[in-house]
Protein backbone atom coordinates (compact mmCIF):
# COMPACT_ATOMS: atom_id res chain seq x y z
CA MET A 1 0.00 0.00 0.00
CA LEU A 2 2.79 2.40 0.94
CA ARG A 3 4.57 1.63 -2.31
CA LYS A 4 1.48 2.45 -4.35
CA LEU A 5 0.99 5.69 -2.45
CA ILE A 6 4.60 6.72 -3.13
CA ILE A 7 4.20 5.95 -6.83
CA ILE A 8 0.93 7.90 -7.06
CA LEU A 9 2.36 10.92 -5.25
CA SER A 10 5.52 10.85 -7.38
CA LEU A 11 3.52 10.62 -10.60
CA PHE A 12 1.38 13.53 -9.44
CA ALA A 13 4.49 15.58 -8.59
CA LEU A 14 6.04 14.75 -11.98
CA ILE A 15 2.92 15.87 -13.83
CA ILE A 16 2.70 19.03 -11.75
CA SER A 17 6.36 19.83 -12.46
CA LEU A 18 5.68 19.69 -16.19
CA LEU A 19 2.60 21.92 -16.23
CA PRO A 20 3.33 25.20 -18.04
CA TYR A 21 1.97 28.64 -17.23
CA ALA A 22 0.18 29.03 -20.55
CA THR A 23 -3.32 28.79 -21.98
CA SER A 24 -2.30 27.62 -25.45
CA LEU A 25 0.60 26.07 -27.31
CA TYR A 26 1.22 29.44 -28.94
CA ASP A 27 1.49 31.08 -25.51
CA LEU A 28 4.04 28.43 -24.57
CA THR A 29 6.18 28.24 -27.70
CA GLY A 30 5.58 31.42 -29.70
CA GLU A 31 4.95 29.15 -32.70
CA GLU A 32 1.78 29.43 -34.80
CA GLY A 33 2.08 26.19 -36.82
CA TRP A 34 1.31 22.77 -35.37
CA ALA A 35 4.70 21.31 -36.29
CA GLY A 36 6.52 24.19 -34.61
CA GLN A 37 4.27 23.98 -31.55
CA LEU A 38 4.82 20.25 -31.05
CA ALA A 39 8.57 20.60 -31.44
CA GLY A 40 8.41 23.65 -29.19
CA VAL A 41 6.74 21.69 -26.40
CA VAL A 42 9.62 19.21 -26.44
CA HIS A 43 12.12 22.08 -26.38
CA TRP A 44 10.22 23.74 -23.54
CA VAL A 45 10.19 20.60 -21.40
CA ASN A 46 13.92 20.22 -21.98
CA THR A 47 14.57 23.76 -20.76
CA ALA A 48 11.90 24.08 -18.05
CA VAL A 49 13.37 21.27 -15.96
CA ARG A 50 16.85 22.82 -15.98
CA PRO A 51 18.04 25.35 -13.38
CA GLN A 52 16.41 28.70 -14.13
CA PRO A 53 18.01 32.17 -14.32
CA ARG A 54 18.21 34.15 -11.09
CA LEU A 55 16.08 37.25 -11.65
CA ALA A 56 15.77 39.00 -8.26
CA VAL A 57 12.55 40.71 -9.34
CA ASN A 58 12.07 42.54 -6.04
CA GLU A 59 15.48 44.23 -5.97
CA LEU A 60 15.02 46.63 -8.89
CA VAL A 61 15.06 50.32 -7.92
CA GLU A 62 15.01 52.29 -11.21
CA THR A 63 12.13 52.58 -13.64
CA ALA A 64 11.75 54.88 -16.63
CA VAL A 65 8.78 57.16 -17.24
CA SER A 66 7.68 55.01 -20.18
CA PRO A 67 8.71 51.68 -21.74
CA PHE A 68 8.08 52.92 -25.28
CA GLY A 69 11.14 53.83 -27.34
CA MET A 70 11.81 54.01 -31.08
CA ASN A 71 15.07 53.75 -33.02
CA THR A 72 15.55 56.63 -35.43
CA PHE A 73 17.97 57.69 -38.15
CA LEU A 74 17.11 61.38 -38.07
CA GLN A 75 20.70 62.35 -38.85
CA SER A 76 20.17 60.82 -42.31
CA GLU A 77 17.12 62.96 -43.07
CA VAL A 78 18.33 65.98 -45.05
CA GLU A 79 15.21 68.11 -44.65
CA PRO A 80 14.43 69.35 -41.13
CA GLU A 81 10.75 69.10 -42.02
CA LYS A 82 11.07 65.32 -42.31
CA ARG A 83 12.76 65.13 -38.92
CA ALA A 84 9.90 67.13 -37.45
CA ARG A 85 7.28 64.95 -39.11
CA SER A 86 9.02 61.80 -37.85
CA LEU A 87 9.06 63.03 -34.27
CA GLN A 88 5.46 64.16 -34.45
CA LEU A 89 4.37 60.70 -35.64
CA ILE A 90 6.49 59.02 -32.97
CA HIS A 91 4.94 61.26 -30.32
CA ASP A 92 1.42 60.65 -31.63
CA ALA A 93 2.05 56.91 -31.46
CA GLY A 94 2.67 57.19 -27.72
CA PHE A 95 6.46 56.83 -27.70
CA ARG A 96 8.50 58.81 -25.16
CA PHE A 97 12.07 57.84 -26.16
CA ILE A 98 14.09 57.79 -29.34
CA ARG A 99 17.38 55.94 -29.58
CA GLN A 100 19.28 58.22 -31.91
CA GLU A 101 22.86 58.02 -33.15
CA PHE A 102 25.14 60.97 -32.50
CA THR A 103 27.66 59.67 -34.98
CA TRP A 104 31.22 60.53 -34.02
CA GLU A 105 32.53 60.46 -37.60
CA ASP A 106 29.72 62.82 -38.60
CA ILE A 107 30.46 65.37 -35.87
CA GLU A 108 34.24 65.46 -35.29
CA ILE A 109 34.94 64.68 -38.91
CA HIS A 110 38.33 65.89 -40.05
CA GLY A 111 40.47 65.97 -36.92
CA LYS A 112 40.45 66.24 -33.16
CA GLY A 113 38.48 69.22 -31.93
CA ASP A 114 37.33 70.07 -35.47
CA PHE A 115 33.53 70.26 -35.56
CA THR A 116 33.21 71.80 -39.00
CA ASP A 117 31.88 69.74 -41.90
CA ARG A 118 33.88 70.36 -45.08
CA ARG A 119 32.69 67.40 -47.16
CA ASN A 120 30.21 68.97 -49.58
CA ASP A 121 29.72 71.60 -52.24
CA LEU A 122 26.20 72.61 -51.32
CA ASN A 123 25.57 75.31 -53.93
CA GLY A 124 27.40 73.67 -56.84
CA ASP A 125 29.96 76.44 -57.35
CA GLY A 126 32.91 74.07 -57.18
CA GLN A 127 33.96 75.26 -53.74
CA VAL A 128 33.60 73.31 -50.50
CA ASP A 129 31.02 74.85 -48.20
CA GLU A 130 31.71 74.82 -44.48
CA VAL A 131 28.86 73.71 -42.26
CA ASP A 132 28.62 73.45 -38.48
CA ALA A 133 28.71 69.69 -37.88
CA TRP A 134 26.60 70.11 -34.76
CA ALA A 135 23.78 71.91 -36.59
CA LYS A 136 21.55 68.98 -37.54
CA TYR A 137 22.05 67.36 -34.14
CA ASP A 138 21.06 70.64 -32.49
CA ASN A 139 17.93 70.53 -34.65
CA ILE A 140 17.17 66.97 -33.55
CA VAL A 141 17.49 67.96 -29.88
CA ASP A 142 15.28 71.02 -30.42
CA LEU A 143 12.59 68.95 -32.11
CA ALA A 144 12.71 66.21 -29.47
CA GLU A 145 12.06 68.82 -26.80
CA GLU A 146 9.22 70.28 -28.86
CA TYR A 147 7.51 66.89 -29.07
CA ASP A 148 8.25 65.88 -25.46
CA ILE A 149 10.55 63.01 -26.41
CA ASP A 150 13.66 61.98 -24.48
CA ILE A 151 16.78 61.09 -26.44
CA ILE A 152 18.95 58.05 -25.83
CA ALA A 153 22.12 59.31 -27.51
CA ARG A 154 24.00 56.39 -29.04
CA LEU A 155 27.69 57.35 -29.20
CA GLY A 156 30.01 55.43 -31.47
CA ASN A 157 31.36 55.04 -35.02
CA PRO A 158 34.75 56.77 -34.70
CA PRO A 159 36.16 58.91 -37.53
CA ALA A 160 39.08 57.55 -39.55
CA TRP A 161 41.59 59.98 -37.99
CA THR A 162 41.27 58.22 -34.61
CA ARG A 163 43.01 55.08 -35.94
CA ALA A 164 46.45 54.61 -37.45
CA LEU A 165 44.82 52.00 -39.70
CA THR A 166 42.06 54.54 -40.58
CA ASN A 167 38.96 52.82 -41.99
CA THR A 168 40.89 49.84 -43.35
CA ILE A 169 40.10 48.14 -40.03
CA GLY A 170 36.39 48.95 -40.38
CA THR A 171 34.39 52.10 -39.78
CA TYR A 172 33.22 50.87 -36.36
CA ALA A 173 36.65 49.96 -34.98
CA PRO A 174 37.53 51.70 -31.70
CA PRO A 175 40.01 54.57 -31.59
CA ASP A 176 43.67 53.89 -30.88
CA ASP A 177 43.48 56.24 -27.88
CA PHE A 178 40.36 55.72 -25.77
CA ASN A 179 40.81 59.23 -24.39
CA ASP A 180 39.78 60.55 -27.82
CA TYR A 181 36.45 58.80 -27.26
CA GLY A 182 36.26 60.26 -23.77
CA ASP A 183 36.79 63.75 -25.18
CA PHE A 184 34.05 63.22 -27.76
CA VAL A 185 31.42 61.94 -25.34
CA ALA A 186 32.30 64.77 -22.96
CA ALA A 187 31.80 67.26 -25.80
CA VAL A 188 28.35 65.83 -26.50
CA ALA A 189 27.43 65.82 -22.80
CA GLU A 190 28.63 69.42 -22.36
CA ARG A 191 26.78 70.70 -25.42
CA TYR A 192 23.48 69.09 -24.42
CA ASN A 193 23.83 69.20 -20.65
CA GLY A 194 20.35 69.37 -19.13
CA ARG A 195 18.73 68.50 -22.48
CA ILE A 196 19.95 64.95 -23.09
CA HIS A 197 19.89 62.79 -19.98
CA THR A 198 20.68 59.32 -21.35
CA TYR A 199 23.71 58.06 -23.27
CA GLN A 200 24.58 54.67 -24.69
CA LEU A 201 28.26 53.93 -25.12
CA TRP A 202 28.76 51.87 -28.26
CA ASN A 203 26.60 49.17 -29.81
CA GLU A 204 27.13 45.41 -30.09
CA PRO A 205 30.82 45.40 -29.14
CA ASN A 206 30.73 41.59 -29.13
CA GLY A 207 30.01 41.05 -32.82
CA ASN A 208 28.66 42.03 -36.24
CA ASP A 209 31.96 43.82 -36.98
CA GLU A 210 30.91 46.65 -34.63
CA TRP A 211 34.32 46.34 -32.99
CA GLY A 212 35.84 46.64 -36.44
CA LEU A 213 37.41 44.02 -38.68
CA GLN A 214 39.27 42.44 -35.79
CA ASP A 215 38.65 40.11 -32.87
CA VAL A 216 36.26 41.45 -30.25
CA ASN A 217 37.73 42.19 -26.84
CA PRO A 218 35.52 42.47 -23.72
CA GLU A 219 38.36 43.83 -21.60
CA ALA A 220 39.16 46.56 -24.13
CA TYR A 221 35.49 47.45 -24.48
CA THR A 222 35.19 47.68 -20.69
CA ALA A 223 38.11 50.11 -20.63
CA LEU A 224 36.41 52.22 -23.32
CA LEU A 225 33.11 52.06 -21.46
CA CYS A 226 34.70 53.23 -18.22
CA VAL A 227 36.42 56.16 -19.92
CA GLY A 228 33.14 57.29 -21.45
CA TYR A 229 31.20 56.77 -18.22
CA GLN A 230 33.61 58.81 -16.14
CA ARG A 231 33.71 61.66 -18.65
CA ILE A 232 29.91 61.91 -18.92
CA LYS A 233 29.44 61.75 -15.15
CA ALA A 234 32.01 64.53 -14.72
CA VAL A 235 29.76 66.76 -16.83
CA ASP A 236 26.38 65.54 -15.56
CA PRO A 237 26.40 63.33 -12.45
CA GLN A 238 22.67 62.66 -12.91
CA ALA A 239 23.04 61.36 -16.47
CA VAL A 240 22.01 57.77 -17.14
CA VAL A 241 24.74 55.79 -18.90
CA LEU A 242 23.89 52.60 -20.77
CA ALA A 243 26.39 49.91 -21.64
CA GLY A 244 26.47 48.98 -25.30
CA ALA A 245 23.80 46.49 -26.31
CA LEU A 246 25.22 43.00 -26.72
CA THR A 247 24.21 41.16 -29.85
CA PRO A 248 22.65 37.79 -28.93
CA THR A 249 24.88 35.16 -30.49
CA VAL A 250 26.27 31.72 -29.75
CA ALA A 251 29.25 32.27 -32.05
CA MET A 252 32.82 32.10 -30.75
CA ASN A 253 34.92 32.85 -33.81
CA GLY A 254 37.09 35.82 -33.01
CA ARG A 255 34.99 38.61 -34.50
CA ASN A 256 31.93 37.34 -32.62
CA MET A 257 31.65 36.26 -29.01
CA ASN A 258 28.72 34.75 -27.14
CA ASP A 259 27.01 37.62 -25.36
CA LEU A 260 26.88 35.84 -21.99
CA ILE A 261 30.59 35.03 -22.03
CA PHE A 262 31.34 38.57 -23.19
CA LEU A 263 29.31 40.07 -20.33
CA GLU A 264 30.92 37.77 -17.75
CA ARG A 265 34.35 38.91 -18.89
CA MET A 266 33.19 42.53 -18.79
CA TYR A 267 32.28 42.08 -15.14
CA GLN A 268 35.60 40.42 -14.43
CA ALA A 269 37.27 43.51 -15.95
CA GLY A 270 35.34 45.89 -13.67
CA ALA A 271 32.44 46.95 -15.91
CA GLY A 272 29.98 46.88 -13.01
CA ASP A 273 31.22 50.31 -11.91
CA CYS A 274 30.85 51.84 -15.37
CA PHE A 275 27.18 51.71 -16.34
CA ASP A 276 23.80 52.53 -14.81
CA VAL A 277 21.72 50.41 -17.17
CA MET A 278 22.56 47.23 -19.05
CA SER A 279 21.47 46.92 -22.68
CA ALA A 280 20.37 43.88 -24.64
CA GLN A 281 18.71 43.13 -27.95
CA GLY A 282 15.19 41.73 -28.15
CA TYR A 283 14.81 40.09 -31.54
CA GLY A 284 12.30 37.24 -31.74
CA LEU A 285 13.73 35.86 -34.98
CA TRP A 286 11.87 32.57 -35.65
CA SER A 287 9.34 32.55 -32.79
CA GLY A 288 6.82 35.00 -31.39
CA PRO A 289 6.97 37.12 -28.24
CA THR A 290 5.19 34.55 -26.06
CA ASP A 291 7.97 31.95 -26.44
CA GLN A 292 8.81 30.55 -22.98
CA ARG A 293 11.72 28.33 -23.99
CA LEU A 294 14.90 29.20 -22.13
CA ARG A 295 18.28 27.92 -23.22
CA PRO A 296 21.50 29.95 -23.46
CA THR A 297 22.21 28.60 -26.94
CA VAL A 298 18.77 29.54 -28.30
CA ILE A 299 18.18 33.11 -29.44
CA ASN A 300 14.58 34.17 -28.86
CA TYR A 301 12.73 37.07 -27.26
CA PRO A 302 13.34 36.06 -23.60
CA HIS A 303 17.07 35.52 -24.15
CA HIS A 304 17.80 38.59 -22.00
CA LEU A 305 16.83 36.59 -18.88
CA PHE A 306 20.33 35.13 -19.00
CA ILE A 307 21.77 38.66 -19.11
CA ARG A 308 19.72 39.42 -16.01
CA ASP A 309 21.04 36.27 -14.32
CA ILE A 310 24.65 37.38 -14.79
CA MET A 311 23.84 40.85 -13.46
CA VAL A 312 22.20 39.39 -10.35
CA ARG A 313 25.16 37.12 -9.68
CA HIS A 314 27.49 40.13 -9.84
CA GLY A 315 25.46 42.23 -7.42
CA ASP A 316 23.74 44.39 -10.06
CA ALA A 317 20.16 43.32 -9.33
CA ALA A 318 19.17 46.95 -8.73
CA LYS A 319 20.08 47.92 -12.30
CA PRO A 320 17.51 47.54 -15.08
CA ILE A 321 17.96 46.27 -18.61
CA TRP A 322 16.87 48.42 -21.55
CA ILE A 323 16.22 46.71 -24.86
CA SER A 324 18.04 48.63 -27.58
CA GLU A 325 16.37 46.93 -30.53
CA MET A 326 13.22 44.80 -30.68
CA ALA A 327 11.32 43.71 -33.81
CA TRP A 328 10.34 40.95 -36.20
CA ASN A 329 11.40 40.98 -39.84
CA THR A 330 9.16 40.91 -42.94
CA ALA A 331 11.81 40.26 -45.59
CA PRO A 332 10.20 39.11 -48.88
CA ASP A 333 10.73 35.57 -50.09
CA TRP A 334 13.38 36.64 -52.61
CA LEU A 335 15.70 37.75 -49.78
CA PRO A 336 17.42 35.48 -47.26
CA ALA A 337 15.59 35.20 -43.94
CA THR A 338 18.65 36.41 -42.05
CA TYR A 339 16.54 37.65 -39.12
CA GLY A 340 13.63 35.24 -39.43
CA ARG A 341 10.56 36.00 -41.51
CA VAL A 342 6.99 36.95 -40.59
CA THR A 343 4.08 38.55 -42.38
CA GLU A 344 3.27 42.23 -41.89
CA THR A 345 0.21 41.17 -39.89
CA GLN A 346 2.35 39.02 -37.60
CA GLN A 347 4.93 41.78 -37.26
CA ALA A 348 2.22 44.15 -36.05
CA ALA A 349 0.73 41.69 -33.57
CA TYR A 350 4.13 40.52 -32.28
CA GLY A 351 5.41 44.06 -31.70
CA ALA A 352 2.50 45.06 -29.47
CA ALA A 353 2.51 41.69 -27.69
CA ALA A 354 6.23 42.03 -26.99
CA TYR A 355 5.64 45.25 -25.07
CA GLN A 356 2.77 43.68 -23.20
CA ARG A 357 4.76 40.61 -22.16
CA ALA A 358 7.65 42.73 -20.95
CA GLN A 359 5.34 44.91 -18.86
CA GLU A 360 3.55 41.91 -17.38
CA ASP A 361 6.44 39.48 -16.84
CA TRP A 362 9.74 41.35 -16.66
CA PRO A 363 9.90 44.30 -14.24
CA TRP A 364 13.65 44.66 -14.82
CA LEU A 365 13.02 45.68 -18.47
CA SER A 366 12.50 49.42 -18.25
CA VAL A 367 12.59 50.72 -21.86
CA ILE A 368 12.18 48.80 -25.11
CA ASN A 369 13.22 50.56 -28.31
CA TYR A 370 11.49 49.28 -31.42
CA TRP A 371 13.77 48.72 -34.44
CA PHE A 372 13.24 50.95 -36.42
CA PHE A 373 11.07 53.91 -37.51
CA LYS A 374 12.10 54.58 -41.12
CA ARG A 375 14.98 55.09 -43.49
CA PRO A 376 15.36 58.26 -45.60
CA ALA A 377 15.10 56.31 -48.88
CA ASP A 378 14.56 52.76 -50.13
CA TYR A 379 18.07 52.17 -51.48
CA GLU A 380 18.52 49.32 -48.95
CA LYS A 381 15.40 47.39 -49.95
CA ASP A 382 17.62 44.63 -51.36
CA GLN A 383 18.89 43.95 -47.81
CA SER A 384 16.95 41.88 -45.29
CA TRP A 385 17.46 44.27 -42.38
CA TYR A 386 15.51 47.01 -44.23
CA TYR A 387 12.28 45.11 -43.52
CA PHE A 388 12.17 45.90 -39.82
CA ARG A 389 10.82 49.37 -40.68
CA VAL A 390 7.62 50.87 -39.23
CA LEU A 391 7.10 53.42 -42.02
CA GLU A 392 8.15 53.52 -45.64
CA PRO A 393 10.60 56.30 -46.57
CA ASP A 394 7.68 58.38 -47.90
CA PHE A 395 5.95 58.10 -44.47
CA THR A 396 3.45 55.46 -45.58
CA PRO A 397 2.70 53.54 -42.37
CA LEU A 398 2.90 49.76 -42.24
CA PRO A 399 0.45 47.76 -40.07
CA VAL A 400 2.94 47.65 -37.21
CA TYR A 401 2.68 51.42 -36.74
CA ALA A 402 -1.03 51.27 -35.96
CA ALA A 403 -0.59 48.25 -33.68
CA LEU A 404 2.18 49.89 -31.67
CA SER A 405 0.26 53.16 -31.49
CA ASP A 406 -2.91 51.45 -30.29
CA TYR A 407 -1.05 49.62 -27.54
CA ALA A 408 1.22 52.46 -26.43
CA ASN A 409 -1.67 54.90 -26.13
CA LYS A 410 -3.83 52.54 -24.08
CA PRO A 411 -1.75 49.65 -22.76
CA THR A 412 -3.55 46.85 -20.94
CA VAL A 413 -1.23 45.29 -18.42
CA THR A 414 -1.93 42.46 -15.99
CA THR A 415 1.08 41.71 -13.84
CA THR A 416 2.08 38.05 -13.75
CA PRO A 417 1.60 36.59 -10.24
CA ASP A 418 4.75 36.33 -8.13
CA TRP A 419 4.22 32.62 -7.70
CA VAL A 420 4.96 32.00 -11.39
CA LEU A 421 8.63 32.96 -11.07
CA THR A 422 8.85 31.05 -7.80
CA TRP A 423 7.38 28.05 -9.55
CA MET A 424 9.94 28.32 -12.37
CA ASN A 425 12.69 27.91 -9.78
CA ILE A 426 10.99 25.06 -7.88
CA ARG A 427 10.07 23.08 -11.00
CA PRO A 428 13.55 21.60 -11.76
CA THR A 429 13.96 20.33 -8.19
CA LEU A 430 10.48 18.79 -8.14
CA PHE A 431 11.09 17.14 -11.49
CA ILE A 432 14.40 15.64 -10.38
CA LEU A 433 13.03 14.36 -7.06
CA SER A 434 9.85 12.83 -8.52
CA SER A 435 11.77 11.29 -11.43
CA ALA A 436 14.37 9.83 -9.07
CA VAL A 437 11.71 8.28 -6.83
CA LEU A 438 9.85 6.79 -9.79
CA PHE A 439 13.08 5.41 -11.23
CA PHE A 440 13.97 3.82 -7.88
CA MET A 441 10.49 2.32 -7.58
CA LEU A 442 10.80 0.94 -11.12
CA LEU A 443 14.07 -0.76 -10.26
CA HIS A 444 12.54 -2.06 -7.07
CA GLY A 445 9.56 -3.43 -8.98
CA LEU A 446 11.78 -5.24 -11.49
CA MET A 447 13.42 -7.37 -8.80
CA PRO A 448 10.60 -9.02 -6.75
CA GLN A 449 11.42 -12.59 -7.75
CA GLN A 450 15.11 -12.09 -7.02
CA ARG A 451 14.25 -10.82 -3.54
CA GLU A 452 11.93 -13.80 -2.95
CA ASP A 453 14.65 -16.24 -4.06
CA SER A 454 17.12 -14.61 -1.71
CA ARG A 455 14.66 -14.90 1.18
CA LEU A 456 14.07 -18.60 0.52
CA GLU A 457 17.79 -19.28 0.35
CA MET A 458 18.26 -17.61 3.70
CA GLU A 459 15.45 -19.73 5.23
CA ASP A 460 17.06 -22.93 3.91
């Protein structure tokens, strides 16, 4: 009788340990097709019974005024009227942040301390016309204030003069002297002191050639980050400094490094003292925003939970994560699905649902910047990445614009119960214990005759 009771209780515990917090297979896997959902369930079981990331949800202290951010390329818009129209549409859609490049090679162009642009003959008279390189960025800041939008100033892309190898090592390669970068970020902070409050130092230093055509280096990036952090804080102690967003990758091939390994090495090099907010990317790629599968080698929307785990282990639980880029890609069939592929209808639904999930499930995610608003022209339409856009270059909105606007202007948020995260952490232990008991009982049940024979031998 006792044996049966143990088996029943263990079976019950095993079943309970495998119950997901989801109302549908789509909610569990982020997959809309049956084949993907069935495979996704197997993947989920495999990951749900493993140790879960440490999230420390109750230790967060900083939250932003709004989670809604939009990536912009306003520096590429020639006409100020188009910049103004972009910001008006972003404001009307309910977005409070723009993540905007303040491109170093476009500001300090020809040499150190030289902020004059001498690259163009504007009136066609055969003579170079000098232009204040700050002018269009001043205009962007003016317009952002007019439309009540905060700027996340992304600072990177050094000019060729900062490197002995110039641009032969790539236009994103770091400067030879990190103090040149410190001087540039200080110049930006001084010019816009009290007007820009948030700065991001670099982007994807762990891959995609954004550390140049050379091997990535987490220790070198940490040194660059600390120089920039100290120089900005010297100008504005209240400024919020973001670490560069890490590209989610499992690659380890020199020019690309797994983001979790890269971040761990950053911490070992002292990066914890050099940023206020950690950045991550939030691409869903081949599954939707509801995907609950968690595995470090799988890149999906909740991949940043592993970033959070590393932060918690290094004592940074009070710091939030901001998502620098989040979106799903609608590349046509004639282009490679480099970033996954969804329909425009799915892109719209996934974008809004991604904000909703973050607000309901992940209190450490403070701002999510959608990737991206628009490009100035369609000359990149033969490249897959172009199809993340929200608007066409002529301001024609795609379905995702309306979906994001509807959600941002009237978000419906139901916070996930605290017990769900507790359950995620208990589940692996319960699964192991119940499985071990059932396995032992199986072995015990396979040997009854052997035990009886042993007893009879002892009686003889």
